[in-house]
Amino acid sequence: MDLLYELKSSLLTILPPSFWDIIDIAVLSYLIYKVIQFMKETRAGGLAKGIIVLVRSLEKVGHSKLSKLPVFSNSASEGELASKWAYAIDVICESCEDLSASTTGALIVIERETKLGEQINTGTILNAVPSKELFGNIFFKNTPLHDGAVIMRDGIILAAACFLPKPEKEELINKALGSRHRAAIGMSENSDAIIVVVSEETGAISVAENGELTRGYSKDTLKKTLRAKLLPEKTPKEKSQDKQSKEGTKSEKLGLFNKNKKG
């Protein structure tokens, strides 16, 4: 009997799954994918963070390896993202300076932790590397994409002509502020995004964050603000390594100079 039982068990493990097993797996996989996609692209991402924290906690005690799946990991390293944002910040500030000089209205939303999938879906997907020329074309008057906001993710222009939510207490906002400033305040109330606004009337540059609007930025002050909020500050160890690297490079250059001088 034991031999027959073992033979039956072996056959069951060798035989392929039934048709309905495959259907069940496919449907379940699709549902899981759609749920994860929804959480990544909306404010439900907060729930996803909780799941990730739980998964990582379990991994520490050797019970899970789910964090290795692409859906739970960042698509780019912190160093790569910092490089992308460093470049994007320079372009944003230079573009705002030009748009301000020509009193061309602009609305740039910089996505952070809160995903803005709802707003992105209202616009046109570009997925483009930022440049002064591109910002100029997008916000130039009467072009198809000028009426709305640009949304940036991971240093890339993800979408343009996006509609933003209205402020929660619009009646309390200064009546002198235009529709772009109101939209910026509304977006900052509903997310942790940073929104840069260029006034079409005065050319003034403003920044909205956490429901508050700050005005009167220049190219330099805007760059300082964005770098402080978007670029991670280096640890003392990293600063020391950078200093040693620069000193090493300087010593090599001096050595090469003295060698050439002797020759």
C-alpha atoms as a PDB file:
ATOM      1  CA  MET A   1       0.000   0.000   0.000  1.00  0.00           C
ATOM      2  CA  ASP A   2       2.786   2.380   0.855  1.00  0.00           C
ATOM      3  CA  LEU A   3       4.363   1.733  -2.527  1.00  0.00           C
ATOM      4  CA  LEU A   4       1.082   2.457  -4.335  1.00  0.00           C
ATOM      5  CA  TYR A   5       0.593   5.690  -2.351  1.00  0.00           C
ATOM      6  CA  GLU A   6       4.098   6.894  -3.194  1.00  0.00           C
ATOM      7  CA  LEU A   7       3.559   6.034  -6.869  1.00  0.00           C
ATOM      8  CA  LYS A   8       0.285   7.980  -6.920  1.00  0.00           C
ATOM      9  CA  SER A   9       1.922  10.999  -5.272  1.00  0.00           C
ATOM     10  CA  SER A  10       4.767  10.916  -7.785  1.00  0.00           C
ATOM     11  CA  LEU A  11       2.341  10.808 -10.717  1.00  0.00           C
ATOM     12  CA  LEU A  12       0.367  13.766  -9.360  1.00  0.00           C
ATOM     13  CA  THR A  13       3.527  15.870  -9.113  1.00  0.00           C
ATOM     14  CA  ILE A  14       4.603  14.934 -12.654  1.00  0.00           C
ATOM     15  CA  LEU A  15       1.223  15.468 -14.342  1.00  0.00           C
ATOM     16  CA  PRO A  16       0.646  19.004 -15.676  1.00  0.00           C
ATOM     17  CA  PRO A  17      -1.975  21.289 -14.059  1.00  0.00           C
ATOM     18  CA  SER A  18      -5.514  21.114 -15.408  1.00  0.00           C
ATOM     19  CA  PHE A  19      -7.000  23.704 -17.759  1.00  0.00           C
ATOM     20  CA  TRP A  20      -9.017  25.299 -14.945  1.00  0.00           C
ATOM     21  CA  ASP A  21      -5.910  25.537 -12.737  1.00  0.00           C
ATOM     22  CA  ILE A  22      -4.231  27.554 -15.478  1.00  0.00           C
ATOM     23  CA  ILE A  23      -7.296  29.802 -15.823  1.00  0.00           C
ATOM     24  CA  ASP A  24      -7.390  30.386 -12.055  1.00  0.00           C
ATOM     25  CA  ILE A  25      -3.702  31.326 -11.980  1.00  0.00           C
ATOM     26  CA  ALA A  26      -4.057  33.673 -14.973  1.00  0.00           C
ATOM     27  CA  VAL A  27      -7.099  35.493 -13.543  1.00  0.00           C
ATOM     28  CA  LEU A  28      -5.525  35.833 -10.100  1.00  0.00           C
ATOM     29  CA  SER A  29      -2.263  37.150 -11.600  1.00  0.00           C
ATOM     30  CA  TYR A  30      -4.155  39.737 -13.662  1.00  0.00           C
ATOM     31  CA  LEU A  31      -6.159  40.930 -10.645  1.00  0.00           C
ATOM     32  CA  ILE A  32      -3.021  41.265  -8.535  1.00  0.00           C
ATOM     33  CA  TYR A  33      -1.328  43.211 -11.351  1.00  0.00           C
ATOM     34  CA  LYS A  34      -4.269  45.652 -11.698  1.00  0.00           C
ATOM     35  CA  VAL A  35      -4.431  46.236  -7.933  1.00  0.00           C
ATOM     36  CA  ILE A  36      -0.695  46.974  -7.756  1.00  0.00           C
ATOM     37  CA  GLN A  37      -0.910  49.243 -10.813  1.00  0.00           C
ATOM     38  CA  PHE A  38      -3.785  51.163  -9.211  1.00  0.00           C
ATOM     39  CA  MET A  39      -1.875  51.621  -5.959  1.00  0.00           C
ATOM     40  CA  LYS A  40       1.270  52.804  -7.762  1.00  0.00           C
ATOM     41  CA  GLU A  41      -0.558  55.421  -9.855  1.00  0.00           C
ATOM     42  CA  THR A  42      -2.878  56.887  -7.214  1.00  0.00           C
ATOM     43  CA  ARG A  43      -2.814  58.078  -3.627  1.00  0.00           C
ATOM     44  CA  ALA A  44      -3.476  54.496  -2.595  1.00  0.00           C
ATOM     45  CA  GLY A  45       0.299  54.243  -2.867  1.00  0.00           C
ATOM     46  CA  GLY A  46       0.366  54.863   0.880  1.00  0.00           C
ATOM     47  CA  LEU A  47      -1.143  51.423   1.333  1.00  0.00           C
ATOM     48  CA  ALA A  48       1.484  49.967  -0.972  1.00  0.00           C
ATOM     49  CA  LYS A  49       4.192  51.491   1.222  1.00  0.00           C
ATOM     50  CA  GLY A  50       2.740  49.699   4.213  1.00  0.00           C
ATOM     51  CA  ILE A  51       2.834  46.410   2.305  1.00  0.00           C
ATOM     52  CA  ILE A  52       6.444  47.020   1.293  1.00  0.00           C
ATOM     53  CA  VAL A  53       7.440  47.731   4.894  1.00  0.00           C
ATOM     54  CA  LEU A  54       5.742  44.487   5.953  1.00  0.00           C
ATOM     55  CA  VAL A  55       7.454  42.514   3.193  1.00  0.00           C
ATOM     56  CA  ARG A  56      10.862  43.909   4.105  1.00  0.00           C
ATOM     57  CA  SER A  57      10.283  43.119   7.761  1.00  0.00           C
ATOM     58  CA  LEU A  58       9.428  39.541   6.854  1.00  0.00           C
ATOM     59  CA  GLU A  59      12.463  39.302   4.609  1.00  0.00           C
ATOM     60  CA  LYS A  60      14.736  40.182   7.512  1.00  0.00           C
ATOM     61  CA  VAL A  61      13.646  37.060   9.325  1.00  0.00           C
ATOM     62  CA  GLY A  62      13.923  34.960   6.163  1.00  0.00           C
ATOM     63  CA  HIS A  63      10.239  34.449   5.384  1.00  0.00           C
ATOM     64  CA  SER A  64       9.881  36.390   2.118  1.00  0.00           C
ATOM     65  CA  LYS A  65      11.735  37.394  -1.026  1.00  0.00           C
ATOM     66  CA  LEU A  66       8.945  39.453  -2.564  1.00  0.00           C
ATOM     67  CA  SER A  67      10.903  42.696  -2.341  1.00  0.00           C
ATOM     68  CA  LYS A  68      13.113  41.405  -5.142  1.00  0.00           C
ATOM     69  CA  LEU A  69      10.172  41.563  -7.547  1.00  0.00           C
ATOM     70  CA  PRO A  70      10.328  44.608  -9.903  1.00  0.00           C
ATOM     71  CA  VAL A  71       6.958  45.910  -8.730  1.00  0.00           C
ATOM     72  CA  PHE A  72       8.305  46.377  -5.177  1.00  0.00           C
ATOM     73  CA  SER A  73      11.640  47.905  -6.189  1.00  0.00           C
ATOM     74  CA  ASN A  74      12.694  51.283  -7.574  1.00  0.00           C
ATOM     75  CA  SER A  75      13.281  51.339 -11.326  1.00  0.00           C
ATOM     76  CA  ALA A  76      16.388  53.450 -10.864  1.00  0.00           C
ATOM     77  CA  SER A  77      18.968  53.816  -8.135  1.00  0.00           C
ATOM     78  CA  GLU A  78      19.085  56.876  -5.881  1.00  0.00           C
ATOM     79  CA  GLY A  79      22.252  58.024  -7.639  1.00  0.00           C
ATOM     80  CA  GLU A  80      20.629  57.856 -11.066  1.00  0.00           C
ATOM     81  CA  LEU A  81      17.523  59.699  -9.860  1.00  0.00           C
ATOM     82  CA  ALA A  82      19.646  62.395  -8.226  1.00  0.00           C
ATOM     83  CA  SER A  83      21.526  62.929 -11.496  1.00  0.00           C
ATOM     84  CA  LYS A  84      18.271  63.162 -13.449  1.00  0.00           C
ATOM     85  CA  TRP A  85      16.788  65.652 -11.008  1.00  0.00           C
ATOM     86  CA  ALA A  86      19.967  67.733 -10.872  1.00  0.00           C
ATOM     87  CA  TYR A  87      19.774  68.157 -14.646  1.00  0.00           C
ATOM     88  CA  ALA A  88      15.993  68.694 -14.606  1.00  0.00           C
ATOM     89  CA  ILE A  89      16.221  71.383 -11.900  1.00  0.00           C
ATOM     90  CA  ASP A  90      18.688  73.388 -13.975  1.00  0.00           C
ATOM     91  CA  VAL A  91      16.396  73.153 -17.004  1.00  0.00           C
ATOM     92  CA  ILE A  92      13.284  74.068 -14.997  1.00  0.00           C
ATOM     93  CA  CYS A  93      14.950  77.163 -13.530  1.00  0.00           C
ATOM     94  CA  GLU A  94      16.390  78.350 -16.838  1.00  0.00           C
ATOM     95  CA  SER A  95      13.037  77.761 -18.543  1.00  0.00           C
ATOM     96  CA  CYS A  96      11.138  79.655 -15.865  1.00  0.00           C
ATOM     97  CA  GLU A  97      13.534  82.570 -16.206  1.00  0.00           C
ATOM     98  CA  ASP A  98      12.880  82.720 -19.968  1.00  0.00           C
ATOM     99  CA  LEU A  99       9.120  82.262 -19.563  1.00  0.00           C
ATOM    100  CA  SER A 100       9.061  84.966 -16.894  1.00  0.00           C
ATOM    101  CA  ALA A 101      10.906  87.398 -19.151  1.00  0.00           C
ATOM    102  CA  SER A 102       8.340  86.870 -21.912  1.00  0.00           C
ATOM    103  CA  THR A 103       5.374  86.753 -19.469  1.00  0.00           C
ATOM    104  CA  THR A 104       4.411  83.304 -20.707  1.00  0.00           C
ATOM    105  CA  GLY A 105       2.259  81.422 -18.225  1.00  0.00           C
ATOM    106  CA  ALA A 106       3.506  78.059 -17.015  1.00  0.00           C
ATOM    107  CA  LEU A 107       2.479  75.374 -14.533  1.00  0.00           C
ATOM    108  CA  ILE A 108       4.995  72.636 -13.645  1.00  0.00           C
ATOM    109  CA  VAL A 109       4.095  69.890 -11.159  1.00  0.00           C
ATOM    110  CA  ILE A 110       6.981  67.932  -9.631  1.00  0.00           C
ATOM    111  CA  GLU A 111       5.745  64.578  -8.365  1.00  0.00           C
ATOM    112  CA  ARG A 112       7.276  63.185  -5.186  1.00  0.00           C
ATOM    113  CA  GLU A 113       5.961  60.354  -2.983  1.00  0.00           C
ATOM    114  CA  THR A 114       2.268  60.757  -3.822  1.00  0.00           C
ATOM    115  CA  LYS A 115       1.626  59.352  -7.289  1.00  0.00           C
ATOM    116  CA  LEU A 116      -0.434  61.584  -9.575  1.00  0.00           C
ATOM    117  CA  GLY A 117      -1.912  58.968 -11.904  1.00  0.00           C
ATOM    118  CA  GLU A 118      -5.383  60.565 -11.760  1.00  0.00           C
ATOM    119  CA  GLN A 119      -4.060  63.884 -13.053  1.00  0.00           C
ATOM    120  CA  ILE A 120      -1.655  62.294 -15.555  1.00  0.00           C
ATOM    121  CA  ASN A 121      -4.568  60.438 -17.163  1.00  0.00           C
ATOM    122  CA  THR A 122      -6.247  63.772 -17.991  1.00  0.00           C
ATOM    123  CA  GLY A 123      -3.294  64.959 -20.093  1.00  0.00           C
ATOM    124  CA  THR A 124      -1.065  63.876 -22.957  1.00  0.00           C
ATOM    125  CA  ILE A 125       1.778  61.460 -22.220  1.00  0.00           C
ATOM    126  CA  LEU A 126       5.160  62.765 -23.420  1.00  0.00           C
ATOM    127  CA  ASN A 127       7.743  60.832 -21.390  1.00  0.00           C
ATOM    128  CA  ALA A 128      10.413  63.259 -22.609  1.00  0.00           C
ATOM    129  CA  VAL A 129      13.765  64.541 -21.375  1.00  0.00           C
ATOM    130  CA  PRO A 130      13.262  68.155 -20.207  1.00  0.00           C
ATOM    131  CA  SER A 131      14.770  71.029 -22.171  1.00  0.00           C
ATOM    132  CA  LYS A 132      14.231  74.781 -22.445  1.00  0.00           C
ATOM    133  CA  GLU A 133      13.004  74.342 -26.003  1.00  0.00           C
ATOM    134  CA  LEU A 134      10.427  71.744 -24.985  1.00  0.00           C
ATOM    135  CA  PHE A 135       9.085  73.820 -22.097  1.00  0.00           C
ATOM    136  CA  GLY A 136       8.937  76.824 -24.425  1.00  0.00           C
ATOM    137  CA  ASN A 137       6.936  74.884 -27.021  1.00  0.00           C
ATOM    138  CA  ILE A 138       4.557  73.396 -24.475  1.00  0.00           C
ATOM    139  CA  PHE A 139       3.646  76.706 -22.809  1.00  0.00           C
ATOM    140  CA  PHE A 140       3.718  78.925 -25.913  1.00  0.00           C
ATOM    141  CA  LYS A 141       0.355  80.645 -26.255  1.00  0.00           C
ATOM    142  CA  ASN A 142      -2.329  78.888 -28.316  1.00  0.00           C
ATOM    143  CA  THR A 143      -0.371  75.645 -28.731  1.00  0.00           C
ATOM    144  CA  PRO A 144      -2.370  72.430 -28.106  1.00  0.00           C
ATOM    145  CA  LEU A 145      -0.602  71.645 -24.806  1.00  0.00           C
ATOM    146  CA  HIS A 146      -0.282  75.098 -23.246  1.00  0.00           C
ATOM    147  CA  ASP A 147      -3.601  75.011 -21.375  1.00  0.00           C
ATOM    148  CA  GLY A 148      -2.850  72.782 -18.408  1.00  0.00           C
ATOM    149  CA  ALA A 149       0.010  71.537 -16.275  1.00  0.00           C
ATOM    150  CA  VAL A 150       3.191  69.644 -17.016  1.00  0.00           C
ATOM    151  CA  ILE A 151       3.750  66.756 -14.605  1.00  0.00           C
ATOM    152  CA  MET A 152       7.293  65.556 -13.979  1.00  0.00           C
ATOM    153  CA  ARG A 153       8.289  62.209 -12.501  1.00  0.00           C
ATOM    154  CA  ASP A 154      11.854  61.037 -11.798  1.00  0.00           C
ATOM    155  CA  GLY A 155      13.309  64.046 -13.621  1.00  0.00           C
ATOM    156  CA  ILE A 156      11.314  63.379 -16.813  1.00  0.00           C
ATOM    157  CA  ILE A 157       8.417  65.309 -18.365  1.00  0.00           C
ATOM    158  CA  LEU A 158       5.816  62.572 -18.094  1.00  0.00           C
ATOM    159  CA  ALA A 159       2.712  64.412 -19.301  1.00  0.00           C
ATOM    160  CA  ALA A 160       1.423  67.819 -20.384  1.00  0.00           C
ATOM    161  CA  ALA A 161      -1.970  69.560 -20.586  1.00  0.00           C
ATOM    162  CA  CYS A 162      -3.027  67.911 -17.312  1.00  0.00           C
ATOM    163  CA  PHE A 163      -5.961  69.193 -15.273  1.00  0.00           C
ATOM    164  CA  LEU A 164      -5.395  69.780 -11.562  1.00  0.00           C
ATOM    165  CA  PRO A 165      -7.885  69.720  -8.666  1.00  0.00           C
ATOM    166  CA  LYS A 166      -9.419  72.921  -7.345  1.00  0.00           C
ATOM    167  CA  PRO A 167      -8.432  74.289  -3.920  1.00  0.00           C
ATOM    168  CA  GLU A 168     -10.473  73.036  -0.975  1.00  0.00           C
ATOM    169  CA  LYS A 169     -11.366  76.576   0.167  1.00  0.00           C
ATOM    170  CA  GLU A 170     -11.230  78.538  -3.063  1.00  0.00           C
ATOM    171  CA  GLU A 171     -13.312  81.395  -1.641  1.00  0.00           C
ATOM    172  CA  LEU A 172     -10.515  82.206   0.841  1.00  0.00           C
ATOM    173  CA  ILE A 173      -7.821  82.563  -1.826  1.00  0.00           C
ATOM    174  CA  ASN A 174      -6.738  86.022  -2.936  1.00  0.00           C
ATOM    175  CA  LYS A 175      -8.944  87.030  -5.869  1.00  0.00           C
ATOM    176  CA  ALA A 176      -5.930  88.554  -7.591  1.00  0.00           C
ATOM    177  CA  LEU A 177      -4.490  85.066  -8.161  1.00  0.00           C
ATOM    178  CA  GLY A 178      -5.242  83.518 -11.528  1.00  0.00           C
ATOM    179  CA  SER A 179      -6.355  80.026 -12.484  1.00  0.00           C
ATOM    180  CA  ARG A 180      -2.802  78.626 -12.613  1.00  0.00           C
ATOM    181  CA  HIS A 181      -2.039  79.734  -9.060  1.00  0.00           C
ATOM    182  CA  ARG A 182      -5.339  78.319  -7.818  1.00  0.00           C
ATOM    183  CA  ALA A 183      -4.684  75.014  -9.543  1.00  0.00           C
ATOM    184  CA  ALA A 184      -1.193  74.923  -8.018  1.00  0.00           C
ATOM    185  CA  ILE A 185      -2.597  75.446  -4.519  1.00  0.00           C
ATOM    186  CA  GLY A 186      -5.244  72.774  -5.101  1.00  0.00           C
ATOM    187  CA  MET A 187      -2.663  70.242  -6.266  1.00  0.00           C
ATOM    188  CA  SER A 188      -0.416  70.985  -3.293  1.00  0.00           C
ATOM    189  CA  GLU A 189      -3.345  70.417  -0.924  1.00  0.00           C
ATOM    190  CA  ASN A 190      -4.013  66.975  -2.405  1.00  0.00           C
ATOM    191  CA  SER A 191      -0.434  65.690  -2.589  1.00  0.00           C
ATOM    192  CA  ASP A 192       3.155  66.299  -1.511  1.00  0.00           C
ATOM    193  CA  ALA A 193       4.047  67.621  -4.972  1.00  0.00           C
ATOM    194  CA  ILE A 194       5.957  70.856  -5.550  1.00  0.00           C
ATOM    195  CA  ILE A 195       4.290  73.110  -8.113  1.00  0.00           C
ATOM    196  CA  VAL A 196       6.106  75.900  -9.926  1.00  0.00           C
ATOM    197  CA  VAL A 197       3.991  78.672 -11.470  1.00  0.00           C
ATOM    198  CA  VAL A 198       4.917  81.473 -13.871  1.00  0.00           C
ATOM    199  CA  SER A 199       2.327  84.242 -14.033  1.00  0.00           C
ATOM    200  CA  GLU A 200       1.014  85.147 -17.469  1.00  0.00           C
ATOM    201  CA  GLU A 201       0.178  88.661 -16.260  1.00  0.00           C
ATOM    202  CA  THR A 202       3.322  89.683 -14.365  1.00  0.00           C
ATOM    203  CA  GLY A 203       5.913  86.982 -15.133  1.00  0.00           C
ATOM    204  CA  ALA A 204       6.356  86.387 -11.386  1.00  0.00           C
ATOM    205  CA  ILE A 205       7.600  82.933 -10.378  1.00  0.00           C
ATOM    206  CA  SER A 206       5.833  81.197  -7.470  1.00  0.00           C
ATOM    207  CA  VAL A 207       6.012  77.825  -5.707  1.00  0.00           C
ATOM    208  CA  ALA A 208       3.099  75.972  -4.105  1.00  0.00           C
ATOM    209  CA  GLU A 209       3.638  73.294  -1.446  1.00  0.00           C
ATOM    210  CA  ASN A 210       1.427  71.902   1.316  1.00  0.00           C
ATOM    211  CA  GLY A 211      -1.423  74.241   0.401  1.00  0.00           C
ATOM    212  CA  GLU A 212       0.692  77.396   0.599  1.00  0.00           C
ATOM    213  CA  LEU A 213       1.893  79.644  -2.226  1.00  0.00           C
ATOM    214  CA  THR A 214       5.222  81.487  -1.996  1.00  0.00           C
ATOM    215  CA  ARG A 215       5.919  84.222  -4.561  1.00  0.00           C
ATOM    216  CA  GLY A 216       8.812  86.299  -5.819  1.00  0.00           C
ATOM    217  CA  TYR A 217      11.351  83.643  -6.854  1.00  0.00           C
ATOM    218  CA  SER A 218      14.308  84.290  -9.113  1.00  0.00           C
ATOM    219  CA  LYS A 219      16.210  81.696 -11.108  1.00  0.00           C
ATOM    220  CA  ASP A 220      18.775  81.313  -8.326  1.00  0.00           C
ATOM    221  CA  THR A 221      16.348  81.170  -5.389  1.00  0.00           C
ATOM    222  CA  LEU A 222      14.157  78.704  -7.268  1.00  0.00           C
ATOM    223  CA  LYS A 223      17.142  76.479  -7.965  1.00  0.00           C
ATOM    224  CA  LYS A 224      18.205  76.607  -4.322  1.00  0.00           C
ATOM    225  CA  THR A 225      14.693  75.662  -3.166  1.00  0.00           C
ATOM    226  CA  LEU A 226      14.262  72.778  -5.618  1.00  0.00           C
ATOM    227  CA  ARG A 227      17.702  71.337  -4.944  1.00  0.00           C
ATOM    228  CA  ALA A 228      17.053  71.402  -1.192  1.00  0.00           C
ATOM    229  CA  LYS A 229      13.735  69.579  -1.586  1.00  0.00           C
ATOM    230  CA  LEU A 230      14.518  67.110  -4.379  1.00  0.00           C
ATOM    231  CA  LEU A 231      18.180  66.172  -4.059  1.00  0.00           C
ATOM    232  CA  PRO A 232      19.201  63.961  -1.122  1.00  0.00           C
ATOM    233  CA  GLU A 233      21.748  65.520   1.185  1.00  0.00           C
ATOM    234  CA  LYS A 234      25.045  63.638   1.257  1.00  0.00           C
ATOM    235  CA  THR A 235      26.090  61.929   4.458  1.00  0.00           C
ATOM    236  CA  PRO A 236      29.353  62.990   6.198  1.00  0.00           C
ATOM    237  CA  LYS A 237      30.940  59.767   4.907  1.00  0.00           C
ATOM    238  CA  GLU A 238      29.963  60.578   1.291  1.00  0.00           C
ATOM    239  CA  LYS A 239      31.226  64.153   1.669  1.00  0.00           C
ATOM    240  CA  SER A 240      34.544  62.816   2.994  1.00  0.00           C
ATOM    241  CA  GLN A 241      34.809  60.391   0.063  1.00  0.00           C
ATOM    242  CA  ASP A 242      34.125  63.203  -2.418  1.00  0.00           C
ATOM    243  CA  LYS A 243      36.784  65.351  -0.750  1.00  0.00           C
ATOM    244  CA  GLN A 244      39.343  62.526  -0.890  1.00  0.00           C
ATOM    245  CA  SER A 245      38.477  61.885  -4.525  1.00  0.00           C
ATOM    246  CA  LYS A 246      38.992  65.556  -5.419  1.00  0.00           C
ATOM    247  CA  GLU A 247      42.272  65.684  -3.497  1.00  0.00           C
ATOM    248  CA  GLY A 248      43.447  62.535  -5.277  1.00  0.00           C
ATOM    249  CA  THR A 249      42.576  64.025  -8.652  1.00  0.00           C
ATOM    250  CA  LYS A 250      44.359  67.259  -7.724  1.00  0.00           C
ATOM    251  CA  SER A 251      47.504  65.341  -6.670  1.00  0.00           C
ATOM    252  CA  GLU A 252      47.512  63.410  -9.939  1.00  0.00           C
ATOM    253  CA  LYS A 253      47.254  66.646 -11.918  1.00  0.00           C
ATOM    254  CA  LEU A 254      50.104  68.230  -9.919  1.00  0.00           C
ATOM    255  CA  GLY A 255      52.235  65.119 -10.440  1.00  0.00           C
ATOM    256  CA  LEU A 256      51.598  65.219 -14.153  1.00  0.00           C
ATOM    257  CA  PHE A 257      52.398  68.931 -14.267  1.00  0.00           C
ATOM    258  CA  ASN A 258      55.742  68.467 -12.454  1.00  0.00           C
ATOM    259  CA  LYS A 259      56.618  65.553 -14.703  1.00  0.00           C
ATOM    260  CA  ASN A 260      55.985  67.623 -17.800  1.00  0.00           C
ATOM    261  CA  LYS A 261      57.970  70.504 -16.330  1.00  0.00           C
ATOM    262  CA  LYS A 262      61.005  68.263 -15.735  1.00  0.00           C
ATOM    263  CA  GLY A 263      60.743  66.859 -19.235  1.00  0.00           C
END
